[in-house]
Amino acid sequence: MLDLHEFMPVNYLKKEAYTGSHRGMRYRMWKGESGEDTVLMTAAWPEPYGFEATPEEQKCVEQFDFSADGIAAAVDWLNRQYEENYAGKN
């Protein structure tokens, strides 16, 4: 399972995207816009390719509040994505 303490804080995400991988699943968090609101965009997709090289139909993307609570919710979502789509396949 992914651990919240391994992820970057909101201040980091204000300027940079955060990427990682976990047992066959890659993921990315970045600052996005939804209307006039700033949101935390989070994506999960299968290895081996990076975000830009992976076809859109292979990515699962969700948005969360751009806050520490939003990061915690995104990590929970990534863990669910892993369990539902990647566990036992590597």
N, C-alpha and C. Protein backbone atom coordinates (compact mmCIF):
# COMPACT_ATOMS: atom_id res chain seq x y z
N MET A 1 0.83 -1.19 0.00
CA MET A 1 0.00 0.00 0.00
C MET A 1 0.87 1.25 0.00
N LEU A 2 0.33 2.27 -0.63
CA LEU A 2 1.01 3.56 -0.63
C LEU A 2 0.78 4.23 0.72
N ASP A 3 1.82 4.90 1.22
CA ASP A 3 1.77 5.56 2.52
C ASP A 3 1.73 7.07 2.32
N LEU A 4 0.76 7.72 2.94
CA LEU A 4 0.59 9.16 2.82
C LEU A 4 1.87 9.92 3.13
N HIS A 5 2.66 9.44 4.06
CA HIS A 5 3.88 10.14 4.47
C HIS A 5 4.97 10.15 3.39
N GLU A 6 4.79 9.34 2.35
CA GLU A 6 5.76 9.31 1.25
C GLU A 6 5.45 10.36 0.18
N PHE A 7 4.31 11.02 0.28
CA PHE A 7 3.89 11.98 -0.74
C PHE A 7 4.31 13.40 -0.40
N MET A 8 4.43 14.21 -1.43
CA MET A 8 4.84 15.59 -1.26
C MET A 8 3.70 16.44 -0.71
N PRO A 9 4.05 17.49 0.02
CA PRO A 9 3.01 18.38 0.58
C PRO A 9 2.43 19.30 -0.49
N VAL A 10 1.37 20.00 -0.12
CA VAL A 10 0.68 20.91 -1.03
C VAL A 10 1.64 21.95 -1.60
N ASN A 11 2.54 22.48 -0.79
CA ASN A 11 3.46 23.52 -1.29
C ASN A 11 4.31 23.02 -2.45
N TYR A 12 4.71 21.76 -2.42
CA TYR A 12 5.46 21.17 -3.53
C TYR A 12 4.58 21.10 -4.77
N LEU A 13 3.35 20.62 -4.58
CA LEU A 13 2.44 20.43 -5.70
C LEU A 13 1.99 21.74 -6.34
N LYS A 14 2.18 22.85 -5.66
CA LYS A 14 1.86 24.15 -6.25
C LYS A 14 2.75 24.44 -7.45
N LYS A 15 3.96 23.86 -7.45
CA LYS A 15 4.93 24.17 -8.50
C LYS A 15 5.30 22.98 -9.39
N GLU A 16 5.20 21.77 -8.87
CA GLU A 16 5.66 20.59 -9.59
C GLU A 16 4.65 19.46 -9.50
N ALA A 17 4.63 18.63 -10.52
CA ALA A 17 3.85 17.39 -10.46
C ALA A 17 4.66 16.36 -9.68
N TYR A 18 3.96 15.47 -9.01
CA TYR A 18 4.61 14.39 -8.27
C TYR A 18 4.24 13.08 -8.93
N THR A 19 5.25 12.27 -9.24
CA THR A 19 5.00 10.99 -9.90
C THR A 19 5.64 9.86 -9.12
N GLY A 20 5.11 8.66 -9.33
CA GLY A 20 5.68 7.48 -8.69
C GLY A 20 5.10 6.23 -9.30
N SER A 21 5.51 5.09 -8.76
CA SER A 21 4.97 3.82 -9.21
C SER A 21 4.90 2.86 -8.03
N HIS A 22 4.02 1.89 -8.18
CA HIS A 22 3.83 0.89 -7.13
C HIS A 22 3.39 -0.42 -7.77
N ARG A 23 4.28 -1.37 -7.88
CA ARG A 23 3.97 -2.73 -8.30
C ARG A 23 3.09 -2.83 -9.54
N GLY A 24 3.51 -2.18 -10.60
CA GLY A 24 2.79 -2.26 -11.87
C GLY A 24 1.86 -1.09 -12.15
N MET A 25 1.66 -0.22 -11.17
CA MET A 25 0.80 0.96 -11.34
C MET A 25 1.67 2.21 -11.24
N ARG A 26 1.52 3.07 -12.20
CA ARG A 26 2.16 4.38 -12.12
C ARG A 26 1.11 5.39 -11.71
N TYR A 27 1.57 6.51 -11.12
CA TYR A 27 0.63 7.55 -10.70
C TYR A 27 1.27 8.92 -10.79
N ARG A 28 0.40 9.91 -10.84
CA ARG A 28 0.85 11.30 -10.95
C ARG A 28 -0.16 12.19 -10.23
N MET A 29 0.33 13.19 -9.48
CA MET A 29 -0.49 14.22 -8.86
C MET A 29 0.01 15.57 -9.35
N TRP A 30 -0.94 16.47 -9.65
CA TRP A 30 -0.55 17.79 -10.11
C TRP A 30 -1.67 18.79 -9.84
N LYS A 31 -1.28 20.06 -9.83
CA LYS A 31 -2.24 21.14 -9.63
C LYS A 31 -3.00 21.36 -10.93
N GLY A 32 -4.32 21.41 -10.82
CA GLY A 32 -5.15 21.64 -11.99
C GLY A 32 -6.20 22.70 -11.70
N GLU A 33 -6.98 23.00 -12.69
CA GLU A 33 -8.05 24.00 -12.57
C GLU A 33 -9.38 23.35 -12.95
N SER A 34 -10.40 23.68 -12.18
CA SER A 34 -11.77 23.26 -12.47
C SER A 34 -12.62 24.52 -12.36
N GLY A 35 -12.89 25.11 -13.51
CA GLY A 35 -13.55 26.42 -13.48
C GLY A 35 -12.59 27.43 -12.88
N GLU A 36 -13.01 28.08 -11.82
CA GLU A 36 -12.13 29.04 -11.14
C GLU A 36 -11.43 28.44 -9.93
N ASP A 37 -11.69 27.16 -9.65
CA ASP A 37 -11.11 26.50 -8.48
C ASP A 37 -9.81 25.78 -8.83
N THR A 38 -8.89 25.77 -7.87
CA THR A 38 -7.68 24.97 -7.99
C THR A 38 -7.98 23.61 -7.39
N VAL A 39 -7.63 22.56 -8.10
CA VAL A 39 -7.90 21.19 -7.66
C VAL A 39 -6.63 20.35 -7.75
N LEU A 40 -6.64 19.25 -7.04
CA LEU A 40 -5.56 18.27 -7.11
C LEU A 40 -5.98 17.19 -8.08
N MET A 41 -5.32 17.11 -9.22
CA MET A 41 -5.58 16.08 -10.21
C MET A 41 -4.69 14.88 -9.87
N THR A 42 -5.26 13.70 -9.98
CA THR A 42 -4.51 12.47 -9.69
C THR A 42 -4.85 11.44 -10.76
N ALA A 43 -3.82 10.80 -11.28
CA ALA A 43 -4.01 9.80 -12.33
C ALA A 43 -3.29 8.51 -11.96
N ALA A 44 -3.84 7.40 -12.40
CA ALA A 44 -3.21 6.09 -12.26
C ALA A 44 -3.27 5.41 -13.62
N TRP A 45 -2.24 4.66 -13.96
CA TRP A 45 -2.20 3.95 -15.25
C TRP A 45 -1.20 2.80 -15.14
N PRO A 46 -1.27 1.83 -16.04
CA PRO A 46 -0.37 0.67 -15.97
C PRO A 46 1.04 1.01 -16.46
N GLU A 47 2.02 0.37 -15.84
CA GLU A 47 3.39 0.48 -16.34
C GLU A 47 3.45 -0.15 -17.73
N PRO A 48 4.41 0.11 -18.55
CA PRO A 48 5.73 0.62 -18.21
C PRO A 48 5.94 2.09 -18.56
N TYR A 49 5.02 2.72 -19.28
CA TYR A 49 5.29 4.05 -19.82
C TYR A 49 4.93 5.18 -18.86
N GLY A 50 5.54 6.33 -19.10
CA GLY A 50 5.23 7.52 -18.33
C GLY A 50 3.89 8.13 -18.73
N PHE A 51 3.50 9.17 -18.05
CA PHE A 51 2.20 9.81 -18.24
C PHE A 51 2.00 10.27 -19.67
N GLU A 52 2.96 10.97 -20.22
CA GLU A 52 2.83 11.54 -21.57
C GLU A 52 2.79 10.46 -22.65
N ALA A 53 3.46 9.34 -22.43
CA ALA A 53 3.54 8.29 -23.45
C ALA A 53 2.41 7.26 -23.35
N THR A 54 1.58 7.37 -22.35
CA THR A 54 0.49 6.41 -22.15
C THR A 54 -0.78 6.95 -22.80
N PRO A 55 -1.48 6.13 -23.57
CA PRO A 55 -2.74 6.57 -24.19
C PRO A 55 -3.76 6.98 -23.12
N GLU A 56 -4.54 8.00 -23.43
CA GLU A 56 -5.53 8.53 -22.48
C GLU A 56 -6.50 7.46 -21.99
N GLU A 57 -6.87 6.53 -22.86
CA GLU A 57 -7.86 5.52 -22.47
C GLU A 57 -7.32 4.54 -21.42
N GLN A 58 -6.01 4.52 -21.21
CA GLN A 58 -5.43 3.66 -20.17
C GLN A 58 -5.29 4.37 -18.83
N LYS A 59 -5.54 5.67 -18.79
CA LYS A 59 -5.40 6.45 -17.56
C LYS A 59 -6.74 6.58 -16.86
N CYS A 60 -6.70 6.49 -15.55
CA CYS A 60 -7.87 6.76 -14.73
C CYS A 60 -7.54 8.03 -13.95
N VAL A 61 -8.34 9.08 -14.13
CA VAL A 61 -8.04 10.39 -13.54
C VAL A 61 -9.19 10.81 -12.63
N GLU A 62 -8.81 11.39 -11.49
CA GLU A 62 -9.79 11.88 -10.52
C GLU A 62 -9.30 13.21 -9.98
N GLN A 63 -10.22 14.04 -9.49
CA GLN A 63 -9.79 15.30 -8.89
C GLN A 63 -10.25 15.38 -7.44
N PHE A 64 -9.43 16.08 -6.65
CA PHE A 64 -9.63 16.21 -5.22
C PHE A 64 -9.40 17.66 -4.82
N ASP A 65 -9.76 18.00 -3.57
CA ASP A 65 -9.46 19.32 -3.04
C ASP A 65 -7.95 19.53 -3.04
N PHE A 66 -7.54 20.74 -3.35
CA PHE A 66 -6.11 21.06 -3.34
C PHE A 66 -5.73 21.45 -1.92
N SER A 67 -5.55 20.42 -1.08
CA SER A 67 -5.25 20.61 0.34
C SER A 67 -4.59 19.34 0.86
N ALA A 68 -4.15 19.40 2.11
CA ALA A 68 -3.58 18.20 2.74
C ALA A 68 -4.63 17.09 2.82
N ASP A 69 -5.88 17.46 3.11
CA ASP A 69 -6.95 16.46 3.14
C ASP A 69 -7.18 15.87 1.74
N GLY A 70 -7.05 16.71 0.72
CA GLY A 70 -7.19 16.23 -0.65
C GLY A 70 -6.10 15.25 -1.02
N ILE A 71 -4.88 15.50 -0.56
CA ILE A 71 -3.78 14.56 -0.82
C ILE A 71 -4.08 13.23 -0.14
N ALA A 72 -4.56 13.27 1.11
CA ALA A 72 -4.90 12.04 1.83
C ALA A 72 -5.99 11.27 1.08
N ALA A 73 -7.00 11.98 0.59
CA ALA A 73 -8.08 11.33 -0.17
C ALA A 73 -7.54 10.74 -1.47
N ALA A 74 -6.61 11.45 -2.12
CA ALA A 74 -6.03 10.95 -3.37
C ALA A 74 -5.20 9.69 -3.12
N VAL A 75 -4.46 9.64 -2.02
CA VAL A 75 -3.67 8.44 -1.70
C VAL A 75 -4.62 7.27 -1.43
N ASP A 76 -5.72 7.51 -0.72
CA ASP A 76 -6.71 6.46 -0.50
C ASP A 76 -7.27 5.96 -1.84
N TRP A 77 -7.56 6.89 -2.73
CA TRP A 77 -8.07 6.54 -4.06
C TRP A 77 -7.05 5.71 -4.84
N LEU A 78 -5.77 6.13 -4.79
CA LEU A 78 -4.72 5.36 -5.47
C LEU A 78 -4.61 3.95 -4.90
N ASN A 79 -4.73 3.82 -3.59
CA ASN A 79 -4.69 2.48 -3.00
C ASN A 79 -5.86 1.63 -3.48
N ARG A 80 -7.04 2.22 -3.60
CA ARG A 80 -8.19 1.48 -4.14
C ARG A 80 -7.95 1.10 -5.60
N GLN A 81 -7.39 2.03 -6.38
CA GLN A 81 -7.08 1.72 -7.78
C GLN A 81 -6.13 0.54 -7.87
N TYR A 82 -5.13 0.55 -7.01
CA TYR A 82 -4.17 -0.56 -7.02
C TYR A 82 -4.87 -1.88 -6.69
N GLU A 83 -5.64 -1.90 -5.62
CA GLU A 83 -6.32 -3.14 -5.20
C GLU A 83 -7.27 -3.65 -6.27
N GLU A 84 -8.01 -2.73 -6.91
CA GLU A 84 -9.03 -3.12 -7.89
C GLU A 84 -8.44 -3.50 -9.26
N ASN A 85 -7.32 -2.90 -9.63
CA ASN A 85 -6.85 -3.04 -11.01
C ASN A 85 -5.45 -3.63 -11.19
N TYR A 86 -4.63 -3.66 -10.13
CA TYR A 86 -3.23 -4.05 -10.32
C TYR A 86 -2.75 -5.14 -9.37
N ALA A 87 -3.37 -5.31 -8.22
CA ALA A 87 -2.92 -6.30 -7.23
C ALA A 87 -2.97 -7.69 -7.84
N GLY A 88 -1.90 -8.42 -7.65
CA GLY A 88 -1.84 -9.79 -8.14
C GLY A 88 -1.53 -9.93 -9.62
N LYS A 89 -1.33 -8.82 -10.32
CA LYS A 89 -1.05 -8.89 -11.76
C LYS A 89 0.41 -8.73 -12.12
N ASN A 90 1.26 -8.50 -11.12
CA ASN A 90 2.67 -8.29 -11.44
C ASN A 90 3.49 -9.49 -11.08
